[in-house]
């Protein structure tokens, strides 16, 4: 079985850390051994990292040029409100994946796309 390790690039590491800590409760720890500014992420059993963005982002209104991850949440609407309260933006509003879940996509404070989903076999 393959395990997932995800990374988030950030223009402002403090702002991004605050966003993900407040929205999902993730914890971050500086990694002084990395060759770039880097923080490890503990995310409810999943692991990841955050690094200072090494290059310019694509122009606005372009498609995502990355591997987009979606986070399972217990309450889509409450999490969507929290994302917006913490400075995130809606990229694609909530929609049903029939008989599976409610899904939606957002932009974090750094302009990165991510999704959230709430499992619901009655969706659709």
PDB file of N, CA and C in Angstrom:
ATOM      1  N   UNK A   1       0.844  -1.180   0.000  1.00  0.00           N
ATOM      2  CA  UNK A   1       0.000   0.000   0.000  1.00  0.00           C
ATOM      3  C   UNK A   1       0.889   1.242   0.000  1.00  0.00           C
ATOM      4  N   UNK A   2       0.557   2.189  -0.836  1.00  0.00           N
ATOM      5  CA  UNK A   2       1.286   3.452  -0.886  1.00  0.00           C
ATOM      6  C   UNK A   2       0.705   4.412   0.152  1.00  0.00           C
ATOM      7  N   UNK A   3       1.559   5.181   0.777  1.00  0.00           N
ATOM      8  CA  UNK A   3       1.126   6.190   1.733  1.00  0.00           C
ATOM      9  C   UNK A   3       1.291   7.571   1.102  1.00  0.00           C
ATOM     10  N   UNK A   4       0.444   8.485   1.487  1.00  0.00           N
ATOM     11  CA  UNK A   4       0.472   9.830   0.937  1.00  0.00           C
ATOM     12  C   UNK A   4       1.265  10.758   1.844  1.00  0.00           C
ATOM     13  N   UNK A   5       2.170  11.519   1.261  1.00  0.00           N
ATOM     14  CA  UNK A   5       2.857  12.613   1.927  1.00  0.00           C
ATOM     15  C   UNK A   5       2.612  13.816   1.038  1.00  0.00           C
ATOM     16  N   UNK A   6       2.041  14.869   1.593  1.00  0.00           N
ATOM     17  CA  UNK A   6       1.684  16.027   0.786  1.00  0.00           C
ATOM     18  C   UNK A   6       2.552  17.221   1.167  1.00  0.00           C
ATOM     19  N   UNK A   7       2.685  18.149   0.239  1.00  0.00           N
ATOM     20  CA  UNK A   7       3.422  19.383   0.518  1.00  0.00           C
ATOM     21  C   UNK A   7       2.614  20.584   0.047  1.00  0.00           C
ATOM     22  N   UNK A   8       2.733  21.649   0.803  1.00  0.00           N
ATOM     23  CA  UNK A   8       2.074  22.916   0.503  1.00  0.00           C
ATOM     24  C   UNK A   8       3.167  23.957   0.320  1.00  0.00           C
ATOM     25  N   UNK A   9       3.113  24.683  -0.783  1.00  0.00           N
ATOM     26  CA  UNK A   9       4.050  25.781  -0.981  1.00  0.00           C
ATOM     27  C   UNK A   9       3.385  27.069  -0.508  1.00  0.00           C
ATOM     28  N   UNK A  10       4.171  27.930   0.126  1.00  0.00           N
ATOM     29  CA  UNK A  10       3.618  29.155   0.693  1.00  0.00           C
ATOM     30  C   UNK A  10       4.515  30.348   0.409  1.00  0.00           C
ATOM     31  N   UNK A  11       3.881  31.477   0.110  1.00  0.00           N
ATOM     32  CA  UNK A  11       4.615  32.737   0.018  1.00  0.00           C
ATOM     33  C   UNK A  11       4.901  33.274   1.415  1.00  0.00           C
ATOM     34  N   UNK A  12       3.947  33.093   2.328  1.00  0.00           N
ATOM     35  CA  UNK A  12       4.059  33.563   3.713  1.00  0.00           C
ATOM     36  C   UNK A  12       3.814  32.371   4.628  1.00  0.00           C
ATOM     37  N   UNK A  13       4.895  31.784   5.138  1.00  0.00           N
ATOM     38  CA  UNK A  13       4.805  30.558   5.941  1.00  0.00           C
ATOM     39  C   UNK A  13       3.955  30.763   7.195  1.00  0.00           C
ATOM     40  N   UNK A  14       4.075  31.899   7.850  1.00  0.00           N
ATOM     41  CA  UNK A  14       3.303  32.153   9.070  1.00  0.00           C
ATOM     42  C   UNK A  14       1.812  32.228   8.768  1.00  0.00           C
ATOM     43  N   UNK A  15       1.463  32.950   7.719  1.00  0.00           N
ATOM     44  CA  UNK A  15       0.058  33.102   7.341  1.00  0.00           C
ATOM     45  C   UNK A  15      -0.545  31.739   6.979  1.00  0.00           C
ATOM     46  N   UNK A  16       0.176  30.945   6.200  1.00  0.00           N
ATOM     47  CA  UNK A  16      -0.321  29.630   5.793  1.00  0.00           C
ATOM     48  C   UNK A  16      -0.423  28.682   6.981  1.00  0.00           C
ATOM     49  N   UNK A  17       0.546  28.721   7.881  1.00  0.00           N
ATOM     50  CA  UNK A  17       0.502  27.876   9.077  1.00  0.00           C
ATOM     51  C   UNK A  17      -0.727  28.211   9.909  1.00  0.00           C
ATOM     52  N   UNK A  18      -0.980  29.492  10.100  1.00  0.00           N
ATOM     53  CA  UNK A  18      -2.153  29.927  10.869  1.00  0.00           C
ATOM     54  C   UNK A  18      -3.440  29.457  10.196  1.00  0.00           C
ATOM     55  N   UNK A  19      -3.523  29.593   8.878  1.00  0.00           N
ATOM     56  CA  UNK A  19      -4.717  29.183   8.135  1.00  0.00           C
ATOM     57  C   UNK A  19      -5.018  27.710   8.363  1.00  0.00           C
ATOM     58  N   UNK A  20      -4.063  26.833   8.099  1.00  0.00           N
ATOM     59  CA  UNK A  20      -4.307  25.392   8.203  1.00  0.00           C
ATOM     60  C   UNK A  20      -4.461  24.932   9.654  1.00  0.00           C
ATOM     61  N   UNK A  21      -3.776  25.578  10.568  1.00  0.00           N
ATOM     62  CA  UNK A  21      -3.955  25.252  11.992  1.00  0.00           C
ATOM     63  C   UNK A  21      -5.373  25.579  12.437  1.00  0.00           C
ATOM     64  N   UNK A  22      -5.855  26.755  12.045  1.00  0.00           N
ATOM     65  CA  UNK A  22      -7.185  27.189  12.469  1.00  0.00           C
ATOM     66  C   UNK A  22      -8.312  26.438  11.772  1.00  0.00           C
ATOM     67  N   UNK A  23      -8.148  26.112  10.495  1.00  0.00           N
ATOM     68  CA  UNK A  23      -9.216  25.438   9.754  1.00  0.00           C
ATOM     69  C   UNK A  23      -9.286  23.951  10.091  1.00  0.00           C
ATOM     70  N   UNK A  24      -8.135  23.255  10.087  1.00  0.00           N
ATOM     71  CA  UNK A  24      -8.132  21.800  10.239  1.00  0.00           C
ATOM     72  C   UNK A  24      -7.501  21.300  11.535  1.00  0.00           C
ATOM     73  N   UNK A  25      -6.897  22.184  12.326  1.00  0.00           N
ATOM     74  CA  UNK A  25      -6.262  21.754  13.567  1.00  0.00           C
ATOM     75  C   UNK A  25      -4.915  21.067  13.361  1.00  0.00           C
ATOM     76  N   UNK A  26      -4.300  21.255  12.196  1.00  0.00           N
ATOM     77  CA  UNK A  26      -3.007  20.636  11.923  1.00  0.00           C
ATOM     78  C   UNK A  26      -1.913  21.291  12.758  1.00  0.00           C
ATOM     79  N   UNK A  27      -0.877  20.527  13.080  1.00  0.00           N
ATOM     80  CA  UNK A  27       0.265  21.060  13.820  1.00  0.00           C
ATOM     81  C   UNK A  27       1.488  21.094  12.896  1.00  0.00           C
ATOM     82  N   UNK A  28       2.340  22.082  13.131  1.00  0.00           N
ATOM     83  CA  UNK A  28       3.513  22.331  12.296  1.00  0.00           C
ATOM     84  C   UNK A  28       4.756  22.386  13.167  1.00  0.00           C
ATOM     85  N   UNK A  29       5.855  21.913  12.623  1.00  0.00           N
ATOM     86  CA  UNK A  29       7.122  21.937  13.342  1.00  0.00           C
ATOM     87  C   UNK A  29       8.230  22.281  12.358  1.00  0.00           C
ATOM     88  N   UNK A  30       9.051  23.280  12.713  1.00  0.00           N
ATOM     89  CA  UNK A  30      10.175  23.652  11.856  1.00  0.00           C
ATOM     90  C   UNK A  30      11.134  22.481  11.719  1.00  0.00           C
ATOM     91  N   UNK A  31      11.671  22.302  10.518  1.00  0.00           N
ATOM     92  CA  UNK A  31      12.669  21.264  10.269  1.00  0.00           C
ATOM     93  C   UNK A  31      13.992  21.955   9.954  1.00  0.00           C
ATOM     94  N   UNK A  32      14.871  22.101  10.959  1.00  0.00           N
ATOM     95  CA  UNK A  32      16.127  22.830  10.751  1.00  0.00           C
ATOM     96  C   UNK A  32      17.127  22.076   9.870  1.00  0.00           C
ATOM     97  N   UNK A  33      16.868  20.818   9.557  1.00  0.00           N
ATOM     98  CA  UNK A  33      17.798  20.027   8.755  1.00  0.00           C
ATOM     99  C   UNK A  33      17.505  20.101   7.259  1.00  0.00           C
ATOM    100  N   UNK A  34      16.373  20.671   6.883  1.00  0.00           N
ATOM    101  CA  UNK A  34      16.001  20.770   5.468  1.00  0.00           C
ATOM    102  C   UNK A  34      16.876  21.828   4.781  1.00  0.00           C
ATOM    103  N   UNK A  35      17.139  21.669   3.486  1.00  0.00           N
ATOM    104  CA  UNK A  35      17.975  22.639   2.766  1.00  0.00           C
ATOM    105  C   UNK A  35      17.257  23.952   2.445  1.00  0.00           C
ATOM    106  N   UNK A  36      15.941  24.003   2.688  1.00  0.00           N
ATOM    107  CA  UNK A  36      15.145  25.224   2.496  1.00  0.00           C
ATOM    108  C   UNK A  36      14.287  25.405   3.747  1.00  0.00           C
ATOM    109  N   UNK A  37      13.665  26.579   3.890  1.00  0.00           N
ATOM    110  CA  UNK A  37      12.739  26.770   5.015  1.00  0.00           C
ATOM    111  C   UNK A  37      11.617  25.751   4.862  1.00  0.00           C
ATOM    112  N   UNK A  38      11.437  24.905   5.891  1.00  0.00           N
ATOM    113  CA  UNK A  38      10.524  23.773   5.772  1.00  0.00           C
ATOM    114  C   UNK A  38       9.904  23.458   7.124  1.00  0.00           C
ATOM    115  N   UNK A  39       8.614  23.146   7.100  1.00  0.00           N
ATOM    116  CA  UNK A  39       7.898  22.721   8.313  1.00  0.00           C
ATOM    117  C   UNK A  39       7.226  21.385   8.036  1.00  0.00           C
ATOM    118  N   UNK A  40       7.318  20.476   8.975  1.00  0.00           N
ATOM    119  CA  UNK A  40       6.571  19.228   8.862  1.00  0.00           C
ATOM    120  C   UNK A  40       5.156  19.470   9.369  1.00  0.00           C
ATOM    121  N   UNK A  41       4.216  18.687   8.832  1.00  0.00           N
ATOM    122  CA  UNK A  41       2.805  18.827   9.181  1.00  0.00           C
ATOM    123  C   UNK A  41       2.305  17.488   9.695  1.00  0.00           C
ATOM    124  N   UNK A  42       1.636  17.515  10.841  1.00  0.00           N
ATOM    125  CA  UNK A  42       0.881  16.363  11.336  1.00  0.00           C
ATOM    126  C   UNK A  42      -0.587  16.715  11.132  1.00  0.00           C
ATOM    127  N   UNK A  43      -1.266  15.875  10.359  1.00  0.00           N
ATOM    128  CA  UNK A  43      -2.631  16.191   9.951  1.00  0.00           C
ATOM    129  C   UNK A  43      -3.554  15.006  10.197  1.00  0.00           C
ATOM    130  N   UNK A  44      -3.792  14.703  11.448  1.00  0.00           N
ATOM    131  CA  UNK A  44      -4.745  13.652  11.784  1.00  0.00           C
ATOM    132  C   UNK A  44      -4.407  12.299  11.209  1.00  0.00           C
ATOM    133  N   UNK A  45      -3.166  11.879  11.353  1.00  0.00           N
ATOM    134  CA  UNK A  45      -2.740  10.583  10.831  1.00  0.00           C
ATOM    135  C   UNK A  45      -2.037  10.683   9.495  1.00  0.00           C
ATOM    136  N   UNK A  46      -2.233  11.754   8.776  1.00  0.00           N
ATOM    137  CA  UNK A  46      -1.506  11.993   7.533  1.00  0.00           C
ATOM    138  C   UNK A  46      -0.317  12.898   7.832  1.00  0.00           C
ATOM    139  N   UNK A  47       0.681  12.819   6.987  1.00  0.00           N
ATOM    140  CA  UNK A  47       1.858  13.657   7.189  1.00  0.00           C
ATOM    141  C   UNK A  47       2.130  14.474   5.932  1.00  0.00           C
ATOM    142  N   UNK A  48       2.705  15.634   6.162  1.00  0.00           N
ATOM    143  CA  UNK A  48       3.043  16.489   5.046  1.00  0.00           C
ATOM    144  C   UNK A  48       4.107  17.485   5.425  1.00  0.00           C
ATOM    145  N   UNK A  49       4.292  18.439   4.545  1.00  0.00           N
ATOM    146  CA  UNK A  49       5.274  19.473   4.780  1.00  0.00           C
ATOM    147  C   UNK A  49       4.859  20.768   4.124  1.00  0.00           C
ATOM    148  N   UNK A  50       5.448  21.849   4.603  1.00  0.00           N
ATOM    149  CA  UNK A  50       5.225  23.165   4.020  1.00  0.00           C
ATOM    150  C   UNK A  50       6.584  23.784   3.745  1.00  0.00           C
ATOM    151  N   UNK A  51       6.732  24.371   2.569  1.00  0.00           N
ATOM    152  CA  UNK A  51       7.984  25.016   2.239  1.00  0.00           C
ATOM    153  C   UNK A  51       7.738  26.375   1.629  1.00  0.00           C
ATOM    154  N   UNK A  52       8.752  27.225   1.755  1.00  0.00           N
ATOM    155  CA  UNK A  52       8.712  28.533   1.127  1.00  0.00           C
ATOM    156  C   UNK A  52       8.613  28.316  -0.376  1.00  0.00           C
ATOM    157  N   UNK A  53       7.670  28.987  -1.023  1.00  0.00           N
ATOM    158  CA  UNK A  53       7.463  28.804  -2.462  1.00  0.00           C
ATOM    159  C   UNK A  53       8.756  29.128  -3.214  1.00  0.00           C
ATOM    160  N   UNK A  54       9.255  28.178  -4.028  1.00  0.00           N
ATOM    161  CA  UNK A  54      10.533  28.397  -4.708  1.00  0.00           C
ATOM    162  C   UNK A  54      10.426  29.106  -6.057  1.00  0.00           C
ATOM    163  N   UNK A  55       9.216  29.297  -6.580  1.00  0.00           N
ATOM    164  CA  UNK A  55       9.057  29.914  -7.899  1.00  0.00           C
ATOM    165  C   UNK A  55       7.749  30.694  -7.944  1.00  0.00           C
ATOM    166  N   UNK A  56       7.588  31.496  -8.976  1.00  0.00           N
ATOM    167  CA  UNK A  56       6.355  32.256  -9.147  1.00  0.00           C
ATOM    168  C   UNK A  56       5.173  31.316  -9.377  1.00  0.00           C
ATOM    169  N   UNK A  57       3.995  31.780  -8.987  1.00  0.00           N
ATOM    170  CA  UNK A  57       2.769  31.020  -9.236  1.00  0.00           C
ATOM    171  C   UNK A  57       2.267  31.321 -10.646  1.00  0.00           C
ATOM    172  N   UNK A  58       1.406  30.442 -11.196  1.00  0.00           N
ATOM    173  CA  UNK A  58       0.808  30.740 -12.505  1.00  0.00           C
ATOM    174  C   UNK A  58      -0.056  31.997 -12.409  1.00  0.00           C
ATOM    175  N   UNK A  59      -0.324  32.655 -13.526  1.00  0.00           N
ATOM    176  CA  UNK A  59      -1.180  33.842 -13.493  1.00  0.00           C
ATOM    177  C   UNK A  59      -2.576  33.498 -12.968  1.00  0.00           C
ATOM    178  N   UNK A  60      -3.287  34.488 -12.396  1.00  0.00           N
ATOM    179  CA  UNK A  60      -4.654  34.246 -11.913  1.00  0.00           C
ATOM    180  C   UNK A  60      -5.550  33.712 -13.035  1.00  0.00           C
ATOM    181  N   UNK A  61      -6.584  32.985 -12.634  1.00  0.00           N
ATOM    182  CA  UNK A  61      -7.592  32.439 -13.538  1.00  0.00           C
ATOM    183  C   UNK A  61      -7.063  31.327 -14.437  1.00  0.00           C
ATOM    184  N   UNK A  62      -5.878  30.801 -14.138  1.00  0.00           N
ATOM    185  CA  UNK A  62      -5.365  29.637 -14.863  1.00  0.00           C
ATOM    186  C   UNK A  62      -5.779  28.376 -14.111  1.00  0.00           C
ATOM    187  N   UNK A  63      -5.761  27.264 -14.782  1.00  0.00           N
ATOM    188  CA  UNK A  63      -6.053  26.001 -14.124  1.00  0.00           C
ATOM    189  C   UNK A  63      -4.952  25.646 -13.134  1.00  0.00           C
ATOM    190  N   UNK A  64      -5.271  24.754 -12.226  1.00  0.00           N
ATOM    191  CA  UNK A  64      -4.310  24.315 -11.225  1.00  0.00           C
ATOM    192  C   UNK A  64      -3.215  23.507 -11.888  1.00  0.00           C
ATOM    193  N   UNK A  65      -1.975  23.800 -11.532  1.00  0.00           N
ATOM    194  CA  UNK A  65      -0.837  23.069 -12.041  1.00  0.00           C
ATOM    195  C   UNK A  65      -0.172  22.379 -10.862  1.00  0.00           C
ATOM    196  N   UNK A  66      -0.889  21.419 -10.270  1.00  0.00           N
ATOM    197  CA  UNK A  66      -0.393  20.738  -9.081  1.00  0.00           C
ATOM    198  C   UNK A  66      -1.253  19.517  -8.832  1.00  0.00           C
ATOM    199  N   UNK A  67      -0.889  18.765  -7.833  1.00  0.00           N
ATOM    200  CA  UNK A  67      -1.651  17.613  -7.384  1.00  0.00           C
ATOM    201  C   UNK A  67      -2.575  18.126  -6.289  1.00  0.00           C
ATOM    202  N   UNK A  68      -3.870  18.141  -6.514  1.00  0.00           N
ATOM    203  CA  UNK A  68      -4.812  18.718  -5.562  1.00  0.00           C
ATOM    204  C   UNK A  68      -5.289  17.650  -4.578  1.00  0.00           C
ATOM    205  N   UNK A  69      -5.175  17.942  -3.301  1.00  0.00           N
ATOM    206  CA  UNK A  69      -5.643  17.041  -2.250  1.00  0.00           C
ATOM    207  C   UNK A  69      -6.965  17.557  -1.689  1.00  0.00           C
ATOM    208  N   UNK A  70      -7.828  16.627  -1.307  1.00  0.00           N
ATOM    209  CA  UNK A  70      -9.081  16.965  -0.636  1.00  0.00           C
ATOM    210  C   UNK A  70      -9.059  16.370   0.765  1.00  0.00           C
ATOM    211  N   UNK A  71      -9.558  17.140   1.719  1.00  0.00           N
ATOM    212  CA  UNK A  71      -9.569  16.752   3.127  1.00  0.00           C
ATOM    213  C   UNK A  71     -10.975  16.335   3.511  1.00  0.00           C
ATOM    214  N   UNK A  72     -11.115  15.164   4.114  1.00  0.00           N
ATOM    215  CA  UNK A  72     -12.420  14.724   4.604  1.00  0.00           C
ATOM    216  C   UNK A  72     -12.763  15.490   5.872  1.00  0.00           C
ATOM    217  N   UNK A  73     -13.975  16.037   5.916  1.00  0.00           N
ATOM    218  CA  UNK A  73     -14.442  16.795   7.075  1.00  0.00           C
ATOM    219  C   UNK A  73     -15.771  16.230   7.548  1.00  0.00           C
ATOM    220  N   UNK A  74     -16.109  16.495   8.794  1.00  0.00           N
ATOM    221  CA  UNK A  74     -17.376  16.025   9.351  1.00  0.00           C
ATOM    222  C   UNK A  74     -18.558  16.899   8.947  1.00  0.00           C
ATOM    223  N   UNK A  75     -18.299  18.197   8.726  1.00  0.00           N
ATOM    224  CA  UNK A  75     -19.373  19.143   8.424  1.00  0.00           C
ATOM    225  C   UNK A  75     -18.875  20.093   7.333  1.00  0.00           C
ATOM    226  N   UNK A  76     -19.289  19.839   6.100  1.00  0.00           N
ATOM    227  CA  UNK A  76     -18.824  20.637   4.969  1.00  0.00           C
ATOM    228  C   UNK A  76     -19.102  22.120   5.184  1.00  0.00           C
ATOM    229  N   UNK A  77     -20.349  22.447   5.517  1.00  0.00           N
ATOM    230  CA  UNK A  77     -20.742  23.852   5.603  1.00  0.00           C
ATOM    231  C   UNK A  77     -19.971  24.598   6.690  1.00  0.00           C
ATOM    232  N   UNK A  78     -19.784  23.984   7.850  1.00  0.00           N
ATOM    233  CA  UNK A  78     -19.035  24.634   8.932  1.00  0.00           C
ATOM    234  C   UNK A  78     -17.574  24.827   8.533  1.00  0.00           C
ATOM    235  N   UNK A  79     -16.989  23.831   7.866  1.00  0.00           N
ATOM    236  CA  UNK A  79     -15.596  23.959   7.445  1.00  0.00           C
ATOM    237  C   UNK A  79     -15.462  25.019   6.363  1.00  0.00           C
ATOM    238  N   UNK A  80     -16.406  25.084   5.439  1.00  0.00           N
ATOM    239  CA  UNK A  80     -16.376  26.112   4.395  1.00  0.00           C
ATOM    240  C   UNK A  80     -16.440  27.512   5.009  1.00  0.00           C
ATOM    241  N   UNK A  81     -17.275  27.675   6.027  1.00  0.00           N
ATOM    242  CA  UNK A  81     -17.346  28.978   6.718  1.00  0.00           C
ATOM    243  C   UNK A  81     -16.001  29.306   7.359  1.00  0.00           C
ATOM    244  N   UNK A  82     -15.388  28.332   8.016  1.00  0.00           N
ATOM    245  CA  UNK A  82     -14.096  28.545   8.663  1.00  0.00           C
ATOM    246  C   UNK A  82     -13.029  28.917   7.639  1.00  0.00           C
ATOM    247  N   UNK A  83     -13.025  28.249   6.504  1.00  0.00           N
ATOM    248  CA  UNK A  83     -12.057  28.564   5.448  1.00  0.00           C
ATOM    249  C   UNK A  83     -12.191  30.020   5.041  1.00  0.00           C
ATOM    250  N   UNK A  84     -13.419  30.477   4.807  1.00  0.00           N
ATOM    251  CA  UNK A  84     -13.638  31.868   4.391  1.00  0.00           C
ATOM    252  C   UNK A  84     -13.276  32.842   5.511  1.00  0.00           C
ATOM    253  N   UNK A  85     -13.600  32.498   6.764  1.00  0.00           N
ATOM    254  CA  UNK A  85     -13.258  33.361   7.902  1.00  0.00           C
ATOM    255  C   UNK A  85     -11.750  33.500   8.073  1.00  0.00           C
ATOM    256  N   UNK A  86     -10.995  32.485   7.682  1.00  0.00           N
ATOM    257  CA  UNK A  86      -9.540  32.509   7.822  1.00  0.00           C
ATOM    258  C   UNK A  86      -8.840  33.080   6.589  1.00  0.00           C
ATOM    259  N   UNK A  87      -9.593  33.599   5.636  1.00  0.00           N
ATOM    260  CA  UNK A  87      -9.004  34.259   4.469  1.00  0.00           C
ATOM    261  C   UNK A  87      -8.979  33.428   3.205  1.00  0.00           C
ATOM    262  N   UNK A  88      -9.545  32.213   3.228  1.00  0.00           N
ATOM    263  CA  UNK A  88      -9.623  31.396   2.027  1.00  0.00           C
ATOM    264  C   UNK A  88     -10.763  31.849   1.132  1.00  0.00           C
ATOM    265  N   UNK A  89     -10.767  31.365  -0.105  1.00  0.00           N
ATOM    266  CA  UNK A  89     -11.798  31.732  -1.078  1.00  0.00           C
ATOM    267  C   UNK A  89     -12.372  30.482  -1.726  1.00  0.00           C
ATOM    268  N   UNK A  90     -13.637  30.577  -2.127  1.00  0.00           N
ATOM    269  CA  UNK A  90     -14.288  29.475  -2.835  1.00  0.00           C
ATOM    270  C   UNK A  90     -13.770  29.448  -4.270  1.00  0.00           C
ATOM    271  N   UNK A  91     -13.288  28.286  -4.708  1.00  0.00           N
ATOM    272  CA  UNK A  91     -12.875  28.103  -6.101  1.00  0.00           C
ATOM    273  C   UNK A  91     -13.959  27.390  -6.898  1.00  0.00           C
ATOM    274  N   UNK A  92     -14.628  26.434  -6.259  1.00  0.00           N
ATOM    275  CA  UNK A  92     -15.736  25.705  -6.870  1.00  0.00           C
ATOM    276  C   UNK A  92     -16.707  25.366  -5.753  1.00  0.00           C
ATOM    277  N   UNK A  93     -17.919  25.921  -5.780  1.00  0.00           N
ATOM    278  CA  UNK A  93     -18.864  25.716  -4.683  1.00  0.00           C
ATOM    279  C   UNK A  93     -19.223  24.246  -4.463  1.00  0.00           C
ATOM    280  N   UNK A  94     -19.785  23.989  -3.315  1.00  0.00           N
ATOM    281  CA  UNK A  94     -20.237  22.660  -2.913  1.00  0.00           C
ATOM    282  C   UNK A  94     -21.108  22.023  -3.993  1.00  0.00           C
ATOM    283  N   UNK A  95     -20.808  20.754  -4.288  1.00  0.00           N
ATOM    284  CA  UNK A  95     -21.611  20.006  -5.251  1.00  0.00           C
ATOM    285  C   UNK A  95     -21.671  18.541  -4.808  1.00  0.00           C
ATOM    286  N   UNK A  96     -22.728  17.840  -5.217  1.00  0.00           N
ATOM    287  CA  UNK A  96     -22.824  16.429  -4.830  1.00  0.00           C
ATOM    288  C   UNK A  96     -22.035  15.524  -5.770  1.00  0.00           C
ATOM    289  N   UNK A  97     -21.380  14.548  -5.202  1.00  0.00           N
ATOM    290  CA  UNK A  97     -20.871  13.408  -5.953  1.00  0.00           C
ATOM    291  C   UNK A  97     -21.883  12.312  -5.617  1.00  0.00           C
ATOM    292  N   UNK A  98     -22.783  11.999  -6.549  1.00  0.00           N
ATOM    293  CA  UNK A  98     -23.934  11.164  -6.227  1.00  0.00           C
ATOM    294  C   UNK A  98     -23.606   9.890  -5.442  1.00  0.00           C
ATOM    295  N   UNK A  99     -24.367   9.724  -4.373  1.00  0.00           N
ATOM    296  CA  UNK A  99     -24.282   8.556  -3.493  1.00  0.00           C
ATOM    297  C   UNK A  99     -22.905   8.379  -2.858  1.00  0.00           C
ATOM    298  N   UNK A 100     -22.135   9.476  -2.781  1.00  0.00           N
ATOM    299  CA  UNK A 100     -20.779   9.393  -2.234  1.00  0.00           C
ATOM    300  C   UNK A 100     -20.496  10.477  -1.204  1.00  0.00           C
ATOM    301  N   UNK A 101     -20.561  11.759  -1.649  1.00  0.00           N
ATOM    302  CA  UNK A 101     -20.155  12.844  -0.753  1.00  0.00           C
ATOM    303  C   UNK A 101     -20.589  14.194  -1.310  1.00  0.00           C
ATOM    304  N   UNK A 102     -20.355  15.214  -0.483  1.00  0.00           N
ATOM    305  CA  UNK A 102     -20.438  16.617  -0.900  1.00  0.00           C
ATOM    306  C   UNK A 102     -18.999  17.080  -1.067  1.00  0.00           C
ATOM    307  N   UNK A 103     -18.679  17.722  -2.169  1.00  0.00           N
ATOM    308  CA  UNK A 103     -17.314  18.126  -2.505  1.00  0.00           C
ATOM    309  C   UNK A 103     -17.308  19.606  -2.844  1.00  0.00           C
ATOM    310  N   UNK A 104     -16.193  20.258  -2.627  1.00  0.00           N
ATOM    311  CA  UNK A 104     -15.991  21.642  -3.039  1.00  0.00           C
ATOM    312  C   UNK A 104     -14.508  21.944  -3.043  1.00  0.00           C
ATOM    313  N   UNK A 105     -14.132  23.021  -3.730  1.00  0.00           N
ATOM    314  CA  UNK A 105     -12.725  23.410  -3.833  1.00  0.00           C
ATOM    315  C   UNK A 105     -12.551  24.857  -3.393  1.00  0.00           C
ATOM    316  N   UNK A 106     -11.393  25.126  -2.827  1.00  0.00           N
ATOM    317  CA  UNK A 106     -11.094  26.427  -2.240  1.00  0.00           C
ATOM    318  C   UNK A 106      -9.675  26.843  -2.588  1.00  0.00           C
ATOM    319  N   UNK A 107      -9.379  28.118  -2.376  1.00  0.00           N
ATOM    320  CA  UNK A 107      -8.020  28.639  -2.456  1.00  0.00           C
ATOM    321  C   UNK A 107      -7.612  29.018  -1.044  1.00  0.00           C
ATOM    322  N   UNK A 108      -6.412  28.610  -0.633  1.00  0.00           N
ATOM    323  CA  UNK A 108      -5.923  29.012   0.686  1.00  0.00           C
ATOM    324  C   UNK A 108      -5.362  30.425   0.615  1.00  0.00           C
ATOM    325  N   UNK A 109      -4.784  30.901   1.677  1.00  0.00           N
ATOM    326  CA  UNK A 109      -4.248  32.266   1.723  1.00  0.00           C
ATOM    327  C   UNK A 109      -3.061  32.457   0.791  1.00  0.00           C
ATOM    328  N   UNK A 110      -2.499  31.355   0.291  1.00  0.00           N
ATOM    329  CA  UNK A 110      -1.341  31.421  -0.601  1.00  0.00           C
ATOM    330  C   UNK A 110      -1.715  31.220  -2.064  1.00  0.00           C
ATOM    331  N   UNK A 111      -3.027  31.042  -2.331  1.00  0.00           N
ATOM    332  CA  UNK A 111      -3.500  30.829  -3.691  1.00  0.00           C
ATOM    333  C   UNK A 111      -3.474  29.381  -4.136  1.00  0.00           C
ATOM    334  N   UNK A 112      -3.198  28.453  -3.210  1.00  0.00           N
ATOM    335  CA  UNK A 112      -3.183  27.028  -3.530  1.00  0.00           C
ATOM    336  C   UNK A 112      -4.604  26.465  -3.521  1.00  0.00           C
ATOM    337  N   UNK A 113      -4.902  25.606  -4.474  1.00  0.00           N
ATOM    338  CA  UNK A 113      -6.203  24.943  -4.544  1.00  0.00           C
ATOM    339  C   UNK A 113      -6.191  23.693  -3.670  1.00  0.00           C
ATOM    340  N   UNK A 114      -7.277  23.490  -2.922  1.00  0.00           N
ATOM    341  CA  UNK A 114      -7.475  22.259  -2.158  1.00  0.00           C
ATOM    342  C   UNK A 114      -8.969  22.002  -2.081  1.00  0.00           C
ATOM    343  N   UNK A 115      -9.325  20.770  -1.787  1.00  0.00           N
ATOM    344  CA  UNK A 115     -10.731  20.420  -1.681  1.00  0.00           C
ATOM    345  C   UNK A 115     -11.090  19.972  -0.286  1.00  0.00           C
ATOM    346  N   UNK A 116     -12.390  19.996  -0.004  1.00  0.00           N
ATOM    347  CA  UNK A 116     -12.913  19.352   1.190  1.00  0.00           C
ATOM    348  C   UNK A 116     -14.099  18.504   0.738  1.00  0.00           C
ATOM    349  N   UNK A 117     -14.364  17.424   1.495  1.00  0.00           N
ATOM    350  CA  UNK A 117     -15.524  16.608   1.199  1.00  0.00           C
ATOM    351  C   UNK A 117     -16.107  16.049   2.474  1.00  0.00           C
ATOM    352  N   UNK A 118     -17.426  15.910   2.476  1.00  0.00           N
ATOM    353  CA  UNK A 118     -18.168  15.303   3.578  1.00  0.00           C
ATOM    354  C   UNK A 118     -18.850  14.053   3.028  1.00  0.00           C
ATOM    355  N   UNK A 119     -18.515  12.895   3.568  1.00  0.00           N
ATOM    356  CA  UNK A 119     -19.121  11.643   3.116  1.00  0.00           C
ATOM    357  C   UNK A 119     -20.616  11.679   3.399  1.00  0.00           C
ATOM    358  N   UNK A 120     -21.420  11.365   2.368  1.00  0.00           N
ATOM    359  CA  UNK A 120     -22.862  11.322   2.502  1.00  0.00           C
ATOM    360  C   UNK A 120     -23.423  10.473   1.373  1.00  0.00           C
ATOM    361  N   UNK A 121     -23.834   9.265   1.691  1.00  0.00           N
ATOM    362  CA  UNK A 121     -24.362   8.377   0.645  1.00  0.00           C
ATOM    363  C   UNK A 121     -25.687   8.856   0.085  1.00  0.00           C
ATOM    364  N   UNK A 122     -26.293   9.864   0.706  1.00  0.00           N
ATOM    365  CA  UNK A 122     -27.552  10.437   0.222  1.00  0.00           C
ATOM    366  C   UNK A 122     -27.302  11.637  -0.689  1.00  0.00           C
ATOM    367  N   UNK A 123     -26.042  12.039  -0.887  1.00  0.00           N
ATOM    368  CA  UNK A 123     -25.733  13.208  -1.731  1.00  0.00           C
ATOM    369  C   UNK A 123     -26.187  12.954  -3.152  1.00  0.00           C
ATOM    370  N   UNK A 124     -26.628  14.019  -3.776  1.00  0.00           N
ATOM    371  CA  UNK A 124     -26.934  13.923  -5.181  1.00  0.00           C
ATOM    372  C   UNK A 124     -28.364  13.927  -5.508  1.00  0.00           C
TER     373      UNK A 124
END
